[in-house]
Protein backbone atom coordinates (compact mmCIF):
# COMPACT_ATOMS: atom_id res chain seq x y z
CA MET A 1 -101.70 -163.86 -5.55
CA GLU A 2 -98.26 -164.91 -6.76
CA ASN A 3 -99.76 -167.85 -8.70
CA ALA A 4 -102.25 -165.50 -10.37
CA GLN A 5 -99.43 -163.22 -11.50
CA SER A 6 -97.43 -166.17 -12.83
CA LEU A 7 -100.45 -167.48 -14.72
CA GLY A 8 -101.02 -164.03 -16.20
CA LYS A 9 -97.45 -163.94 -17.49
CA MET A 10 -97.85 -167.43 -18.97
CA ARG A 11 -101.06 -166.36 -20.69
CA ASN A 12 -99.38 -163.29 -22.16
CA TYR A 13 -96.58 -165.51 -23.45
CA PHE A 14 -99.05 -167.19 -25.81
CA PHE A 15 -100.03 -163.79 -27.22
CA GLU A 16 -96.37 -162.91 -27.77
CA THR A 17 -95.64 -166.17 -29.61
CA ARG A 18 -98.11 -165.42 -32.41
CA LYS A 19 -95.12 -164.92 -34.72
CA PRO A 20 -96.72 -163.42 -37.88
CA GLY A 21 -99.93 -162.41 -36.08
CA TYR A 22 -101.42 -165.90 -35.73
CA TRP A 23 -100.59 -169.28 -34.21
CA GLN A 24 -99.15 -172.15 -36.23
CA ASN A 25 -102.32 -174.11 -37.09
CA THR A 26 -106.00 -174.61 -36.25
CA PHE A 27 -105.32 -177.32 -33.66
CA GLU A 28 -102.84 -175.15 -31.75
CA LEU A 29 -105.24 -172.20 -31.97
CA ALA A 30 -108.10 -174.24 -30.51
CA GLN A 31 -105.95 -175.64 -27.69
CA ILE A 32 -104.62 -172.22 -26.66
CA ILE A 33 -108.04 -170.54 -26.73
CA GLU A 34 -109.59 -173.40 -24.74
CA THR A 35 -106.84 -173.00 -22.11
CA ILE A 36 -106.66 -169.21 -21.70
CA LEU A 37 -110.22 -168.09 -22.43
CA PRO A 38 -111.70 -168.97 -18.99
CA ASP A 39 -108.94 -166.93 -17.33
CA LEU A 40 -109.58 -164.00 -19.67
CA LEU A 41 -113.32 -164.03 -18.98
CA GLY A 42 -112.96 -164.37 -15.21
CA THR A 43 -116.38 -163.81 -13.68
CA HIS A 44 -117.73 -162.25 -16.89
CA SER A 45 -119.74 -164.20 -19.44
CA THR A 46 -118.33 -162.30 -22.43
CA VAL A 47 -115.00 -160.78 -23.46
CA LYS A 48 -114.79 -157.11 -22.45
CA LYS A 49 -113.56 -154.72 -25.14
CA THR A 50 -110.05 -153.42 -24.52
CA MET A 51 -109.84 -149.69 -23.86
CA LEU A 52 -107.13 -147.19 -22.91
CA GLN A 53 -107.97 -144.08 -20.91
CA ILE A 54 -105.45 -141.23 -21.21
CA LYS A 55 -105.77 -138.45 -18.63
CA GLY A 56 -103.77 -135.41 -17.62
CA ASP A 57 -102.51 -132.80 -20.10
CA VAL A 58 -103.99 -135.01 -22.83
CA VAL A 59 -107.46 -136.53 -22.43
CA LYS A 60 -108.36 -139.33 -24.83
CA THR A 61 -110.15 -142.69 -24.99
CA VAL A 62 -108.55 -145.28 -27.29
CA THR A 63 -110.50 -148.29 -28.55
CA GLU A 64 -108.84 -148.98 -31.93
CA PHE A 65 -105.33 -150.46 -32.11
CA PRO A 66 -102.55 -150.05 -33.08
CA PHE A 67 -102.52 -146.48 -31.79
CA GLU A 68 -99.74 -143.90 -31.79
CA MET A 69 -99.50 -140.37 -30.42
CA GLU A 70 -96.86 -137.73 -29.65
CA VAL A 71 -96.61 -135.68 -26.48
CA ALA A 72 -94.24 -132.87 -25.51
CA PRO A 73 -91.55 -133.67 -22.89
CA THR A 74 -93.23 -131.26 -20.46
CA GLN A 75 -96.68 -132.88 -20.66
CA ASN A 76 -97.89 -135.20 -17.91
CA ILE A 77 -100.21 -138.07 -18.74
CA GLU A 78 -101.67 -141.09 -16.95
CA VAL A 79 -102.65 -144.23 -18.87
CA THR A 80 -105.04 -146.90 -17.58
CA LYS A 81 -106.38 -150.01 -19.32
CA THR A 82 -109.68 -151.84 -19.07
CA GLY A 83 -110.85 -154.92 -20.93
CA SER A 84 -110.02 -158.60 -21.25
CA PHE A 85 -106.97 -158.54 -23.49
CA PRO A 86 -103.47 -157.16 -22.78
CA VAL A 87 -102.17 -154.02 -24.50
CA TYR A 88 -98.48 -153.61 -25.28
CA LEU A 89 -97.43 -150.03 -24.57
CA ALA A 90 -94.09 -148.53 -25.61
CA SER A 91 -92.80 -145.00 -25.05
CA TYR A 92 -89.62 -143.55 -26.50
CA GLN A 93 -87.88 -140.27 -27.32
CA LYS A 94 -86.05 -139.39 -30.54
CA TYR A 95 -83.04 -137.09 -30.65
CA TRP A 96 -80.06 -136.35 -32.90
CA ASP A 97 -76.85 -137.99 -31.65
CA LYS A 98 -73.79 -136.20 -33.08
CA ALA A 99 -71.35 -138.82 -31.77
CA PRO A 100 -73.16 -142.18 -31.70
CA LYS A 101 -71.56 -145.07 -29.85
CA GLU A 102 -71.91 -148.75 -30.69
CA TYR A 103 -74.99 -150.30 -29.10
CA LYS A 104 -75.54 -154.06 -29.21
CA ASP A 105 -77.86 -155.18 -26.40
CA ASN A 106 -80.56 -156.52 -28.75
CA PHE A 107 -78.96 -156.56 -32.20
CA GLU A 108 -75.28 -156.58 -33.11
CA ILE A 109 -74.62 -155.06 -36.55
CA THR A 110 -71.38 -154.49 -38.47
CA THR A 111 -70.65 -153.31 -42.04
CA HIS A 112 -67.69 -153.83 -44.33
CA PHE A 113 -66.77 -153.52 -48.01
CA SER A 114 -65.93 -156.61 -50.05
CA ASN A 115 -62.60 -155.38 -51.41
CA ASP A 116 -61.14 -153.49 -48.47
CA SER A 117 -62.01 -153.75 -44.78
CA SER A 118 -60.16 -150.47 -44.11
CA SER A 119 -62.86 -148.54 -46.04
CA LYS A 120 -60.61 -147.43 -48.94
CA LEU A 121 -62.44 -147.63 -52.26
CA LYS A 122 -61.42 -147.00 -55.87
CA ALA A 123 -63.57 -144.80 -58.08
CA GLY A 124 -65.30 -146.71 -60.87
CA GLU A 125 -64.81 -150.19 -59.38
CA GLU A 126 -67.97 -151.93 -58.19
CA VAL A 127 -67.96 -152.88 -54.53
CA THR A 128 -70.31 -154.77 -52.20
CA LEU A 129 -71.30 -153.24 -48.89
CA THR A 130 -72.19 -156.09 -46.52
CA ALA A 131 -74.09 -155.65 -43.28
CA LYS A 132 -73.90 -158.53 -40.81
CA VAL A 133 -76.66 -158.64 -38.20
CA LYS A 134 -76.59 -160.83 -35.11
CA VAL A 135 -80.09 -161.27 -33.69
CA LYS A 136 -79.92 -162.01 -29.96
CA HIS A 137 -83.64 -162.63 -29.40
CA ASP A 138 -86.36 -163.81 -31.81
CA ALA A 139 -87.49 -160.62 -33.55
CA GLN A 140 -90.70 -159.84 -35.44
CA TYR A 141 -91.06 -156.98 -37.95
CA VAL A 142 -87.44 -155.87 -38.11
CA MET A 143 -86.17 -152.83 -40.04
CA ILE A 144 -82.49 -152.58 -40.98
CA ASN A 145 -81.14 -149.21 -42.14
CA ILE A 146 -77.81 -149.32 -43.97
CA PRO A 147 -76.45 -145.84 -44.86
CA ILE A 148 -74.79 -145.29 -48.24
CA PRO A 149 -71.57 -143.24 -48.16
CA GLY A 150 -71.52 -140.01 -50.15
CA GLY A 151 -69.64 -140.37 -53.43
CA CYS A 152 -71.31 -143.73 -54.15
CA SER A 153 -74.37 -144.73 -56.16
CA TYR A 154 -76.15 -148.05 -56.58
CA ALA A 155 -74.73 -150.55 -59.06
CA GLU A 156 -78.06 -152.41 -59.03
CA LYS A 157 -81.31 -152.44 -57.07
CA ARG A 158 -82.40 -156.04 -56.66
CA ASN A 159 -85.18 -157.26 -54.40
CA TYR A 160 -86.41 -160.66 -53.19
CA PHE A 161 -83.53 -161.71 -50.99
CA ARG A 162 -83.70 -164.54 -48.47
CA ASN A 163 -85.16 -163.55 -45.07
CA GLU A 164 -86.37 -160.21 -46.48
CA SER A 165 -89.92 -159.01 -47.07
CA HIS A 166 -88.99 -155.80 -48.91
CA ARG A 167 -86.16 -153.39 -49.71
CA GLY A 168 -86.31 -149.66 -50.20
CA TYR A 169 -83.40 -148.00 -52.01
CA PHE A 170 -83.04 -144.36 -51.00
CA LYS A 171 -80.42 -141.76 -51.84
CA ASN A 172 -78.86 -141.86 -48.38
CA GLU A 173 -79.57 -145.43 -47.25
CA THR A 174 -81.07 -148.81 -47.99
CA ALA A 175 -83.97 -149.86 -45.75
CA ILE A 176 -84.55 -153.61 -45.42
CA PHE A 177 -87.71 -155.06 -43.88
CA CYS A 178 -87.92 -158.57 -42.40
CA GLU A 179 -91.14 -160.09 -41.09
CA PHE A 180 -89.40 -162.46 -38.68
CA LEU A 181 -85.77 -163.16 -37.78
CA PRO A 182 -85.06 -165.98 -35.30
CA VAL A 183 -81.95 -165.88 -33.14
CA GLY A 184 -78.90 -166.15 -35.41
CA GLU A 185 -76.60 -164.27 -37.76
CA TYR A 186 -77.63 -162.81 -41.13
CA SER A 187 -75.87 -161.01 -44.00
CA PHE A 188 -77.34 -158.34 -46.28
CA GLU A 189 -75.50 -157.14 -49.39
CA ILE A 190 -75.74 -153.88 -51.36
CA LYS A 191 -73.97 -153.36 -54.71
CA LEU A 192 -72.37 -149.92 -55.03
CA ILE A 193 -70.17 -147.98 -57.44
CA PRO A 194 -67.82 -145.37 -55.95
CA ARG A 195 -67.92 -142.37 -58.31
CA TYR A 196 -66.37 -139.28 -56.74
CA SER A 197 -63.03 -139.16 -54.95
CA GLY A 198 -62.85 -137.73 -51.46
CA VAL A 199 -63.31 -138.59 -47.80
CA TYR A 200 -66.88 -139.27 -46.71
CA THR A 201 -68.70 -140.11 -43.48
CA LEU A 202 -70.38 -143.49 -43.24
CA ASN A 203 -73.18 -143.18 -40.68
CA PRO A 204 -73.97 -146.08 -38.32
CA ALA A 205 -76.07 -148.96 -39.62
CA LYS A 206 -79.04 -149.79 -37.42
CA ALA A 207 -81.42 -152.70 -36.78
CA GLU A 208 -84.62 -152.17 -34.79
CA LEU A 209 -88.11 -153.51 -34.19
CA MET A 210 -90.44 -151.44 -36.37
CA TYR A 211 -93.17 -151.16 -33.74
CA PHE A 212 -90.85 -151.11 -30.69
CA PRO A 213 -87.84 -149.06 -31.85
CA VAL A 214 -86.38 -148.99 -28.35
CA PHE A 215 -85.23 -152.55 -29.11
CA SER A 216 -82.37 -151.76 -31.47
CA GLY A 217 -78.67 -152.00 -32.19
CA ASN A 218 -76.17 -149.95 -34.19
CA ASN A 219 -72.48 -149.83 -35.02
CA GLU A 220 -70.11 -146.86 -34.89
CA MET A 221 -69.62 -143.96 -37.31
CA ARG A 222 -66.52 -144.07 -39.52
CA GLU A 223 -64.90 -142.54 -42.60
CA VAL A 224 -64.71 -143.90 -46.16
CA LYS A 225 -62.03 -142.77 -48.63
CA ILE A 226 -62.60 -142.96 -52.39
CA GLN A 227 -59.44 -142.72 -54.51
CA GLU A 228 -59.02 -141.94 -58.21
């Protein structure tokens, strides 16, 4: 029984290593399928379609993936799976944290300004906001949210940076999307112009897996001062 469980985990490892959704080449694909297919089939002659059965306060049959649904905290559900292939299931809860603390179990992220690490900026002088991300485990489909302090606007909105698939420049933050980030450290830069003097809140920057947001990391909240 223990060997069967170990073999199942080894088989699932090959599914998890399909970095961008496929294996590296045709030869590797053929070798992996030849190795794991008999175990997947078991005593069946064909692959059984994967299906999720949801019962309880919500009743639903799921056959198309990816699938996402919301339930109230008071609802009780039971999920069972049938079929040949594994299904990766994640559950999480969103809430507003008024005093966020630094969290760095999966990603370690810090931000600083190019001209002053103490977060004191001068109105009218272009500055670079740099986010440094330390990836502790190989990560696929990563989203990095870097808040923009009030009183600042973008000096430029470039795209096509190394390691990035896309950038979205929004009024309150820059969202950066990366298809795959191996273990290591990465820097992401945003060009800003401080415009209005005052003291502003700089919300925490955050890195997370897009499809498994429970795997995340963020830094602390702090203040930014813009002087005349």
